[in-house]
Amino acid sequence: MYTTYILLGSNLGDCKKYLSDAILEIECKLGTISSKSSLYQTAAWGNLDQPDFINQVIELKTSLSPANLLKAILKIENVLGRQRIEKWGSRTIDIDILLYEDQIVNTANLVIPHPYLSVRRFSLMPLSEIAPNRLHPILKKSITELLNELTDNLFVKKLT
């Protein structure tokens, strides 16, 4: 089993239900969730003219390769009504692979670690809650160190 960290996000409709439904789909199809962060209300990043997001990070134990994990994630997003209309636009569900073991993947379809992980408070805060000492495989810094060095000041508030 491989350890991967996945970011869930939603800012359309019943966001908490979309996150809950995504977790059920992930547990059913991708592996075992061994840890979940709290929920966080977060300002939109990239495209600021949209509702706040609800985000959560999960630690997943999976037997899937990174490429197969991505394929399965895209299917789950589709089942939950994800529509890709505009880059960084509003969405019912967004599921991103943040880290996969200590692997570095750089293909046309997939980049791990997530290319924006180290610059997004909405990713680092929930990740630091469940994996504060995990090292970024390229930057060789812990998640806590990255969070402490962060210049992103967008709103992020722990909900639960």
N, C-alpha and C. Protein backbone atom coordinates (compact mmCIF):
# COMPACT_ATOMS: atom_id res chain seq x y z
N MET A 1 0.84 -1.19 0.00
CA MET A 1 0.00 0.00 0.00
C MET A 1 0.88 1.26 0.00
N TYR A 2 0.43 2.23 -0.75
CA TYR A 2 1.15 3.48 -0.87
C TYR A 2 0.39 4.57 -0.12
N THR A 3 1.13 5.46 0.53
CA THR A 3 0.52 6.58 1.24
C THR A 3 0.49 7.79 0.34
N THR A 4 -0.70 8.36 0.21
CA THR A 4 -0.88 9.55 -0.60
C THR A 4 -1.74 10.54 0.17
N TYR A 5 -1.52 11.81 -0.09
CA TYR A 5 -2.31 12.87 0.54
C TYR A 5 -3.11 13.56 -0.55
N ILE A 6 -4.40 13.68 -0.29
CA ILE A 6 -5.34 14.18 -1.29
C ILE A 6 -6.11 15.36 -0.71
N LEU A 7 -6.22 16.41 -1.52
CA LEU A 7 -6.99 17.59 -1.15
C LEU A 7 -8.36 17.51 -1.79
N LEU A 8 -9.39 17.70 -0.98
CA LEU A 8 -10.77 17.76 -1.46
C LEU A 8 -11.25 19.20 -1.33
N GLY A 9 -12.00 19.67 -2.30
CA GLY A 9 -12.54 21.02 -2.22
C GLY A 9 -13.86 21.13 -2.95
N SER A 10 -14.71 22.04 -2.48
CA SER A 10 -16.00 22.30 -3.10
C SER A 10 -16.43 23.72 -2.79
N ASN A 11 -17.06 24.38 -3.78
CA ASN A 11 -17.64 25.70 -3.51
C ASN A 11 -18.97 25.92 -4.24
N LEU A 12 -19.61 24.84 -4.63
CA LEU A 12 -20.93 24.91 -5.25
C LEU A 12 -21.88 23.96 -4.54
N GLY A 13 -23.11 24.42 -4.33
CA GLY A 13 -24.12 23.54 -3.73
C GLY A 13 -23.81 23.24 -2.28
N ASP A 14 -24.20 22.04 -1.83
CA ASP A 14 -23.97 21.60 -0.46
C ASP A 14 -22.54 21.06 -0.37
N CYS A 15 -21.60 21.96 -0.12
CA CYS A 15 -20.17 21.63 -0.16
C CYS A 15 -19.80 20.49 0.79
N LYS A 16 -20.33 20.54 1.99
CA LYS A 16 -20.00 19.50 2.96
C LYS A 16 -20.49 18.14 2.49
N LYS A 17 -21.65 18.11 1.85
CA LYS A 17 -22.17 16.84 1.32
C LYS A 17 -21.29 16.35 0.18
N TYR A 18 -20.85 17.25 -0.70
CA TYR A 18 -19.96 16.83 -1.78
C TYR A 18 -18.66 16.24 -1.23
N LEU A 19 -18.12 16.85 -0.18
CA LEU A 19 -16.90 16.30 0.43
C LEU A 19 -17.17 14.93 1.04
N SER A 20 -18.29 14.82 1.73
CA SER A 20 -18.67 13.54 2.34
C SER A 20 -18.88 12.46 1.28
N ASP A 21 -19.57 12.82 0.20
CA ASP A 21 -19.79 11.87 -0.89
C ASP A 21 -18.47 11.47 -1.55
N ALA A 22 -17.57 12.42 -1.71
CA ALA A 22 -16.24 12.12 -2.29
C ALA A 22 -15.49 11.14 -1.40
N ILE A 23 -15.56 11.33 -0.10
CA ILE A 23 -14.88 10.42 0.83
C ILE A 23 -15.46 9.02 0.72
N LEU A 24 -16.77 8.91 0.62
CA LEU A 24 -17.38 7.58 0.45
C LEU A 24 -16.92 6.91 -0.83
N GLU A 25 -16.89 7.67 -1.93
CA GLU A 25 -16.42 7.13 -3.21
C GLU A 25 -14.96 6.71 -3.13
N ILE A 26 -14.14 7.54 -2.50
CA ILE A 26 -12.72 7.24 -2.37
C ILE A 26 -12.52 5.96 -1.57
N GLU A 27 -13.22 5.84 -0.44
CA GLU A 27 -13.09 4.64 0.39
C GLU A 27 -13.56 3.40 -0.35
N CYS A 28 -14.57 3.55 -1.18
CA CYS A 28 -15.14 2.42 -1.91
C CYS A 28 -14.23 1.99 -3.07
N LYS A 29 -13.58 2.95 -3.73
CA LYS A 29 -12.89 2.66 -4.99
C LYS A 29 -11.38 2.81 -4.98
N LEU A 30 -10.83 3.56 -4.03
CA LEU A 30 -9.40 3.88 -4.12
C LEU A 30 -8.53 3.28 -3.03
N GLY A 31 -9.09 3.02 -1.87
CA GLY A 31 -8.27 2.49 -0.79
C GLY A 31 -8.86 2.83 0.56
N THR A 32 -8.00 2.90 1.57
CA THR A 32 -8.41 3.14 2.94
C THR A 32 -7.96 4.52 3.38
N ILE A 33 -8.89 5.29 3.91
CA ILE A 33 -8.55 6.59 4.45
C ILE A 33 -8.07 6.38 5.88
N SER A 34 -6.82 6.74 6.14
CA SER A 34 -6.25 6.52 7.46
C SER A 34 -6.28 7.77 8.33
N SER A 35 -6.51 8.93 7.72
CA SER A 35 -6.57 10.16 8.49
C SER A 35 -7.30 11.23 7.67
N LYS A 36 -8.02 12.10 8.39
CA LYS A 36 -8.74 13.21 7.75
C LYS A 36 -8.47 14.48 8.55
N SER A 37 -8.22 15.56 7.85
CA SER A 37 -8.10 16.85 8.52
C SER A 37 -9.49 17.36 8.88
N SER A 38 -9.50 18.45 9.62
CA SER A 38 -10.73 19.19 9.83
C SER A 38 -11.17 19.78 8.49
N LEU A 39 -12.37 20.30 8.48
CA LEU A 39 -12.83 21.07 7.33
C LEU A 39 -12.36 22.51 7.49
N TYR A 40 -12.03 23.14 6.36
CA TYR A 40 -11.56 24.52 6.37
C TYR A 40 -12.38 25.33 5.36
N GLN A 41 -12.82 26.50 5.79
CA GLN A 41 -13.42 27.45 4.86
C GLN A 41 -12.27 28.29 4.32
N THR A 42 -12.19 28.40 3.00
CA THR A 42 -11.05 29.06 2.39
C THR A 42 -11.49 29.99 1.26
N ALA A 43 -10.79 31.10 1.16
CA ALA A 43 -11.02 32.00 0.04
C ALA A 43 -10.57 31.32 -1.25
N ALA A 44 -11.23 31.66 -2.33
CA ALA A 44 -10.84 31.12 -3.64
C ALA A 44 -9.43 31.61 -3.98
N TRP A 45 -8.71 30.78 -4.71
CA TRP A 45 -7.32 31.08 -5.11
C TRP A 45 -7.28 31.03 -6.63
N GLY A 46 -6.57 31.96 -7.25
CA GLY A 46 -6.46 31.96 -8.71
C GLY A 46 -7.54 32.81 -9.34
N ASN A 47 -8.78 32.41 -9.17
CA ASN A 47 -9.93 33.16 -9.65
C ASN A 47 -10.70 33.58 -8.40
N LEU A 48 -10.52 34.83 -7.98
CA LEU A 48 -11.05 35.28 -6.70
C LEU A 48 -12.53 35.61 -6.72
N ASP A 49 -13.12 35.76 -7.90
CA ASP A 49 -14.51 36.17 -8.03
C ASP A 49 -15.44 34.96 -8.01
N GLN A 50 -15.49 34.29 -6.85
CA GLN A 50 -16.34 33.12 -6.69
C GLN A 50 -16.51 32.85 -5.20
N PRO A 51 -17.46 31.99 -4.84
CA PRO A 51 -17.69 31.70 -3.41
C PRO A 51 -16.48 31.03 -2.76
N ASP A 52 -16.41 31.16 -1.42
CA ASP A 52 -15.39 30.46 -0.65
C ASP A 52 -15.52 28.96 -0.86
N PHE A 53 -14.43 28.25 -0.63
CA PHE A 53 -14.39 26.80 -0.70
C PHE A 53 -14.46 26.20 0.69
N ILE A 54 -14.88 24.96 0.74
CA ILE A 54 -14.67 24.10 1.90
C ILE A 54 -13.63 23.09 1.45
N ASN A 55 -12.53 22.98 2.21
CA ASN A 55 -11.43 22.08 1.85
C ASN A 55 -11.15 21.12 3.00
N GLN A 56 -10.57 19.99 2.61
CA GLN A 56 -10.15 18.96 3.57
C GLN A 56 -9.05 18.14 2.92
N VAL A 57 -8.09 17.71 3.73
CA VAL A 57 -7.04 16.81 3.24
C VAL A 57 -7.23 15.45 3.90
N ILE A 58 -7.05 14.40 3.10
CA ILE A 58 -7.11 13.04 3.62
C ILE A 58 -5.80 12.33 3.34
N GLU A 59 -5.47 11.41 4.22
CA GLU A 59 -4.36 10.49 3.99
C GLU A 59 -4.98 9.18 3.52
N LEU A 60 -4.56 8.74 2.34
CA LEU A 60 -5.12 7.55 1.72
C LEU A 60 -4.05 6.49 1.55
N LYS A 61 -4.38 5.27 1.92
CA LYS A 61 -3.54 4.11 1.64
C LYS A 61 -4.15 3.42 0.41
N THR A 62 -3.37 3.33 -0.65
CA THR A 62 -3.89 2.80 -1.91
C THR A 62 -2.89 1.85 -2.55
N SER A 63 -3.40 0.94 -3.35
CA SER A 63 -2.54 0.06 -4.14
C SER A 63 -2.39 0.59 -5.57
N LEU A 64 -3.10 1.67 -5.89
CA LEU A 64 -3.08 2.22 -7.25
C LEU A 64 -1.79 3.00 -7.52
N SER A 65 -1.32 2.91 -8.74
CA SER A 65 -0.19 3.73 -9.17
C SER A 65 -0.66 5.18 -9.25
N PRO A 66 0.26 6.15 -9.30
CA PRO A 66 -0.18 7.54 -9.44
C PRO A 66 -1.08 7.77 -10.66
N ALA A 67 -0.73 7.21 -11.80
CA ALA A 67 -1.53 7.40 -13.02
C ALA A 67 -2.93 6.79 -12.87
N ASN A 68 -3.01 5.59 -12.31
CA ASN A 68 -4.31 4.96 -12.12
C ASN A 68 -5.13 5.65 -11.03
N LEU A 69 -4.44 6.19 -10.02
CA LEU A 69 -5.12 6.96 -8.99
C LEU A 69 -5.76 8.20 -9.62
N LEU A 70 -5.03 8.89 -10.47
CA LEU A 70 -5.58 10.07 -11.15
C LEU A 70 -6.80 9.69 -11.98
N LYS A 71 -6.72 8.61 -12.74
CA LYS A 71 -7.86 8.18 -13.56
C LYS A 71 -9.09 7.93 -12.70
N ALA A 72 -8.90 7.26 -11.57
CA ALA A 72 -10.01 6.95 -10.67
C ALA A 72 -10.58 8.23 -10.04
N ILE A 73 -9.71 9.16 -9.70
CA ILE A 73 -10.15 10.44 -9.13
C ILE A 73 -11.00 11.21 -10.14
N LEU A 74 -10.57 11.25 -11.39
CA LEU A 74 -11.33 11.96 -12.42
C LEU A 74 -12.72 11.35 -12.60
N LYS A 75 -12.81 10.03 -12.48
CA LYS A 75 -14.13 9.37 -12.57
C LYS A 75 -15.02 9.77 -11.40
N ILE A 76 -14.44 9.86 -10.20
CA ILE A 76 -15.21 10.26 -9.02
C ILE A 76 -15.69 11.70 -9.19
N GLU A 77 -14.80 12.58 -9.65
CA GLU A 77 -15.21 13.97 -9.88
C GLU A 77 -16.38 14.03 -10.86
N ASN A 78 -16.30 13.23 -11.90
CA ASN A 78 -17.37 13.18 -12.91
C ASN A 78 -18.69 12.71 -12.29
N VAL A 79 -18.63 11.64 -11.51
CA VAL A 79 -19.83 11.10 -10.85
C VAL A 79 -20.47 12.16 -9.95
N LEU A 80 -19.64 12.99 -9.32
CA LEU A 80 -20.14 14.01 -8.39
C LEU A 80 -20.44 15.34 -9.09
N GLY A 81 -20.49 15.33 -10.42
CA GLY A 81 -20.97 16.49 -11.16
C GLY A 81 -19.94 17.56 -11.49
N ARG A 82 -18.67 17.24 -11.37
CA ARG A 82 -17.62 18.21 -11.69
C ARG A 82 -17.68 18.57 -13.17
N GLN A 83 -17.72 19.86 -13.45
CA GLN A 83 -17.66 20.35 -14.83
C GLN A 83 -16.47 21.29 -14.94
N ARG A 84 -15.65 21.08 -15.94
CA ARG A 84 -14.46 21.90 -16.16
C ARG A 84 -14.79 22.97 -17.20
N ILE A 85 -15.32 24.10 -16.71
CA ILE A 85 -15.74 25.17 -17.59
C ILE A 85 -14.65 26.23 -17.71
N GLU A 86 -14.08 26.64 -16.58
CA GLU A 86 -13.01 27.62 -16.61
C GLU A 86 -11.94 27.23 -15.60
N LYS A 87 -10.69 27.58 -15.91
CA LYS A 87 -9.58 27.26 -15.01
C LYS A 87 -9.80 27.96 -13.67
N TRP A 88 -9.64 27.19 -12.59
CA TRP A 88 -9.80 27.68 -11.22
C TRP A 88 -11.19 28.24 -10.97
N GLY A 89 -12.19 27.71 -11.70
CA GLY A 89 -13.56 28.17 -11.52
C GLY A 89 -14.26 27.42 -10.40
N SER A 90 -15.49 27.82 -10.14
CA SER A 90 -16.31 27.15 -9.12
C SER A 90 -16.55 25.71 -9.52
N ARG A 91 -16.72 24.83 -8.51
CA ARG A 91 -16.92 23.42 -8.80
C ARG A 91 -17.60 22.71 -7.65
N THR A 92 -18.34 21.65 -8.01
CA THR A 92 -18.99 20.83 -6.99
C THR A 92 -17.94 20.07 -6.19
N ILE A 93 -16.92 19.59 -6.87
CA ILE A 93 -15.86 18.83 -6.19
C ILE A 93 -14.56 18.97 -6.97
N ASP A 94 -13.49 19.08 -6.22
CA ASP A 94 -12.15 19.09 -6.79
C ASP A 94 -11.33 18.14 -5.93
N ILE A 95 -10.65 17.22 -6.57
CA ILE A 95 -9.84 16.24 -5.86
C ILE A 95 -8.44 16.28 -6.45
N ASP A 96 -7.46 16.69 -5.63
CA ASP A 96 -6.08 16.84 -6.10
C ASP A 96 -5.14 15.93 -5.31
N ILE A 97 -4.24 15.29 -6.02
CA ILE A 97 -3.17 14.53 -5.37
C ILE A 97 -2.09 15.52 -4.97
N LEU A 98 -1.84 15.64 -3.67
CA LEU A 98 -0.80 16.55 -3.18
C LEU A 98 0.56 15.86 -3.14
N LEU A 99 0.59 14.69 -2.52
CA LEU A 99 1.82 13.90 -2.37
C LEU A 99 1.49 12.43 -2.58
N TYR A 100 2.45 11.69 -3.10
CA TYR A 100 2.31 10.25 -3.28
C TYR A 100 3.63 9.63 -2.85
N GLU A 101 3.62 9.03 -1.64
CA GLU A 101 4.87 8.55 -1.05
C GLU A 101 5.89 9.69 -1.13
N ASP A 102 7.11 9.39 -1.53
CA ASP A 102 8.12 10.43 -1.76
C ASP A 102 8.39 10.58 -3.25
N GLN A 103 7.43 10.14 -4.05
CA GLN A 103 7.65 10.14 -5.49
C GLN A 103 7.54 11.53 -6.10
N ILE A 104 8.29 11.69 -7.17
CA ILE A 104 8.22 12.88 -8.01
C ILE A 104 7.75 12.41 -9.37
N VAL A 105 6.61 12.93 -9.81
CA VAL A 105 6.02 12.56 -11.09
C VAL A 105 5.85 13.85 -11.89
N ASN A 106 6.29 13.83 -13.14
CA ASN A 106 6.14 15.00 -13.99
C ASN A 106 5.83 14.54 -15.41
N THR A 107 4.53 14.37 -15.66
CA THR A 107 4.07 13.96 -16.99
C THR A 107 3.11 15.03 -17.51
N ALA A 108 2.68 14.86 -18.74
CA ALA A 108 1.73 15.82 -19.32
C ALA A 108 0.42 15.87 -18.54
N ASN A 109 0.02 14.75 -17.95
CA ASN A 109 -1.27 14.67 -17.25
C ASN A 109 -1.19 14.78 -15.74
N LEU A 110 -0.01 14.62 -15.18
CA LEU A 110 0.09 14.54 -13.73
C LEU A 110 1.43 15.06 -13.22
N VAL A 111 1.37 15.93 -12.21
CA VAL A 111 2.57 16.43 -11.54
C VAL A 111 2.40 16.19 -10.05
N ILE A 112 3.35 15.46 -9.47
CA ILE A 112 3.39 15.19 -8.03
C ILE A 112 4.82 15.43 -7.57
N PRO A 113 5.01 16.19 -6.47
CA PRO A 113 3.99 16.81 -5.65
C PRO A 113 3.21 17.86 -6.43
N HIS A 114 2.01 18.15 -5.93
CA HIS A 114 1.17 19.13 -6.61
C HIS A 114 1.99 20.41 -6.82
N PRO A 115 1.98 20.96 -8.02
CA PRO A 115 2.86 22.09 -8.33
C PRO A 115 2.61 23.35 -7.50
N TYR A 116 1.42 23.50 -6.93
CA TYR A 116 1.13 24.69 -6.12
C TYR A 116 1.07 24.40 -4.62
N LEU A 117 1.41 23.19 -4.24
CA LEU A 117 1.30 22.81 -2.83
C LEU A 117 2.02 23.79 -1.91
N SER A 118 3.23 24.14 -2.23
CA SER A 118 4.06 24.95 -1.31
C SER A 118 3.66 26.42 -1.26
N VAL A 119 2.72 26.86 -2.10
CA VAL A 119 2.35 28.28 -2.12
C VAL A 119 0.88 28.52 -1.78
N ARG A 120 0.16 27.48 -1.40
CA ARG A 120 -1.27 27.62 -1.11
C ARG A 120 -1.58 27.30 0.35
N ARG A 121 -2.02 28.31 1.08
CA ARG A 121 -2.39 28.12 2.49
C ARG A 121 -3.52 27.10 2.63
N PHE A 122 -4.49 27.12 1.70
CA PHE A 122 -5.64 26.22 1.81
C PHE A 122 -5.25 24.75 1.64
N SER A 123 -4.09 24.48 1.07
CA SER A 123 -3.58 23.10 0.99
C SER A 123 -2.70 22.78 2.19
N LEU A 124 -1.82 23.70 2.54
CA LEU A 124 -0.85 23.44 3.60
C LEU A 124 -1.47 23.37 5.00
N MET A 125 -2.46 24.20 5.28
CA MET A 125 -3.03 24.18 6.64
C MET A 125 -3.67 22.83 6.97
N PRO A 126 -4.58 22.32 6.13
CA PRO A 126 -5.15 21.01 6.49
C PRO A 126 -4.12 19.88 6.40
N LEU A 127 -3.17 19.98 5.48
CA LEU A 127 -2.13 18.95 5.39
C LEU A 127 -1.25 18.96 6.63
N SER A 128 -0.95 20.16 7.14
CA SER A 128 -0.11 20.25 8.34
C SER A 128 -0.80 19.68 9.57
N GLU A 129 -2.12 19.66 9.55
CA GLU A 129 -2.88 19.10 10.67
C GLU A 129 -2.66 17.60 10.78
N ILE A 130 -2.56 16.90 9.64
CA ILE A 130 -2.45 15.44 9.69
C ILE A 130 -1.05 14.92 9.33
N ALA A 131 -0.21 15.75 8.74
CA ALA A 131 1.14 15.30 8.35
C ALA A 131 2.16 16.44 8.48
N PRO A 132 2.30 17.01 9.68
CA PRO A 132 3.15 18.19 9.83
C PRO A 132 4.63 17.95 9.52
N ASN A 133 5.09 16.74 9.74
CA ASN A 133 6.51 16.44 9.54
C ASN A 133 6.82 15.81 8.19
N ARG A 134 5.80 15.60 7.39
CA ARG A 134 6.01 15.02 6.06
C ARG A 134 6.88 15.96 5.23
N LEU A 135 7.86 15.41 4.54
CA LEU A 135 8.76 16.23 3.72
C LEU A 135 8.26 16.37 2.30
N HIS A 136 8.36 17.58 1.79
CA HIS A 136 8.12 17.83 0.37
C HIS A 136 9.30 17.20 -0.37
N PRO A 137 9.07 16.27 -1.29
CA PRO A 137 10.18 15.52 -1.89
C PRO A 137 11.12 16.34 -2.77
N ILE A 138 10.71 17.49 -3.21
CA ILE A 138 11.59 18.34 -4.02
C ILE A 138 12.25 19.41 -3.15
N LEU A 139 11.46 20.09 -2.34
CA LEU A 139 11.97 21.19 -1.53
C LEU A 139 12.70 20.73 -0.28
N LYS A 140 12.48 19.47 0.11
CA LYS A 140 13.14 18.88 1.28
C LYS A 140 12.85 19.67 2.56
N LYS A 141 11.63 20.17 2.65
CA LYS A 141 11.17 20.88 3.84
C LYS A 141 9.90 20.20 4.32
N SER A 142 9.68 20.26 5.65
CA SER A 142 8.46 19.69 6.19
C SER A 142 7.27 20.58 5.83
N ILE A 143 6.09 20.01 5.94
CA ILE A 143 4.87 20.76 5.67
C ILE A 143 4.77 21.94 6.65
N THR A 144 5.16 21.74 7.89
CA THR A 144 5.15 22.83 8.87
C THR A 144 6.11 23.94 8.45
N GLU A 145 7.30 23.57 8.01
CA GLU A 145 8.25 24.59 7.55
C GLU A 145 7.69 25.38 6.37
N LEU A 146 7.08 24.68 5.42
CA LEU A 146 6.50 25.37 4.27
C LEU A 146 5.39 26.31 4.70
N LEU A 147 4.57 25.88 5.64
CA LEU A 147 3.48 26.72 6.13
C LEU A 147 4.04 27.96 6.84
N ASN A 148 5.08 27.78 7.63
CA ASN A 148 5.68 28.90 8.34
C ASN A 148 6.34 29.91 7.40
N GLU A 149 6.80 29.48 6.25
CA GLU A 149 7.47 30.35 5.28
C GLU A 149 6.49 30.96 4.26
N LEU A 150 5.25 30.57 4.33
CA LEU A 150 4.26 30.92 3.32
C LEU A 150 3.98 32.42 3.26
N THR A 151 3.86 32.94 2.06
CA THR A 151 3.49 34.35 1.87
C THR A 151 2.02 34.50 1.48
N ASP A 152 1.33 33.43 1.15
CA ASP A 152 -0.09 33.46 0.80
C ASP A 152 -0.90 33.84 2.04
N ASN A 153 -1.60 34.97 1.96
CA ASN A 153 -2.39 35.44 3.09
C ASN A 153 -3.89 35.34 2.86
N LEU A 154 -4.31 34.52 1.90
CA LEU A 154 -5.74 34.35 1.66
C LEU A 154 -6.39 33.74 2.89
N PHE A 155 -7.66 34.07 3.08
CA PHE A 155 -8.44 33.63 4.22
C PHE A 155 -8.55 32.10 4.27
N VAL A 156 -8.20 31.53 5.43
CA VAL A 156 -8.39 30.10 5.69
C VAL A 156 -8.81 29.97 7.15
N LYS A 157 -9.98 29.35 7.38
CA LYS A 157 -10.52 29.22 8.73
C LYS A 157 -10.93 27.77 8.99
N LYS A 158 -10.42 27.22 10.08
CA LYS A 158 -10.78 25.86 10.48
C LYS A 158 -12.24 25.85 10.94
N LEU A 159 -13.02 24.90 10.40
CA LEU A 159 -14.44 24.80 10.75
C LEU A 159 -14.71 23.73 11.80
N THR A 160 -14.07 22.58 11.67
CA THR A 160 -14.37 21.49 12.61
C THR A 160 -13.10 20.90 13.14
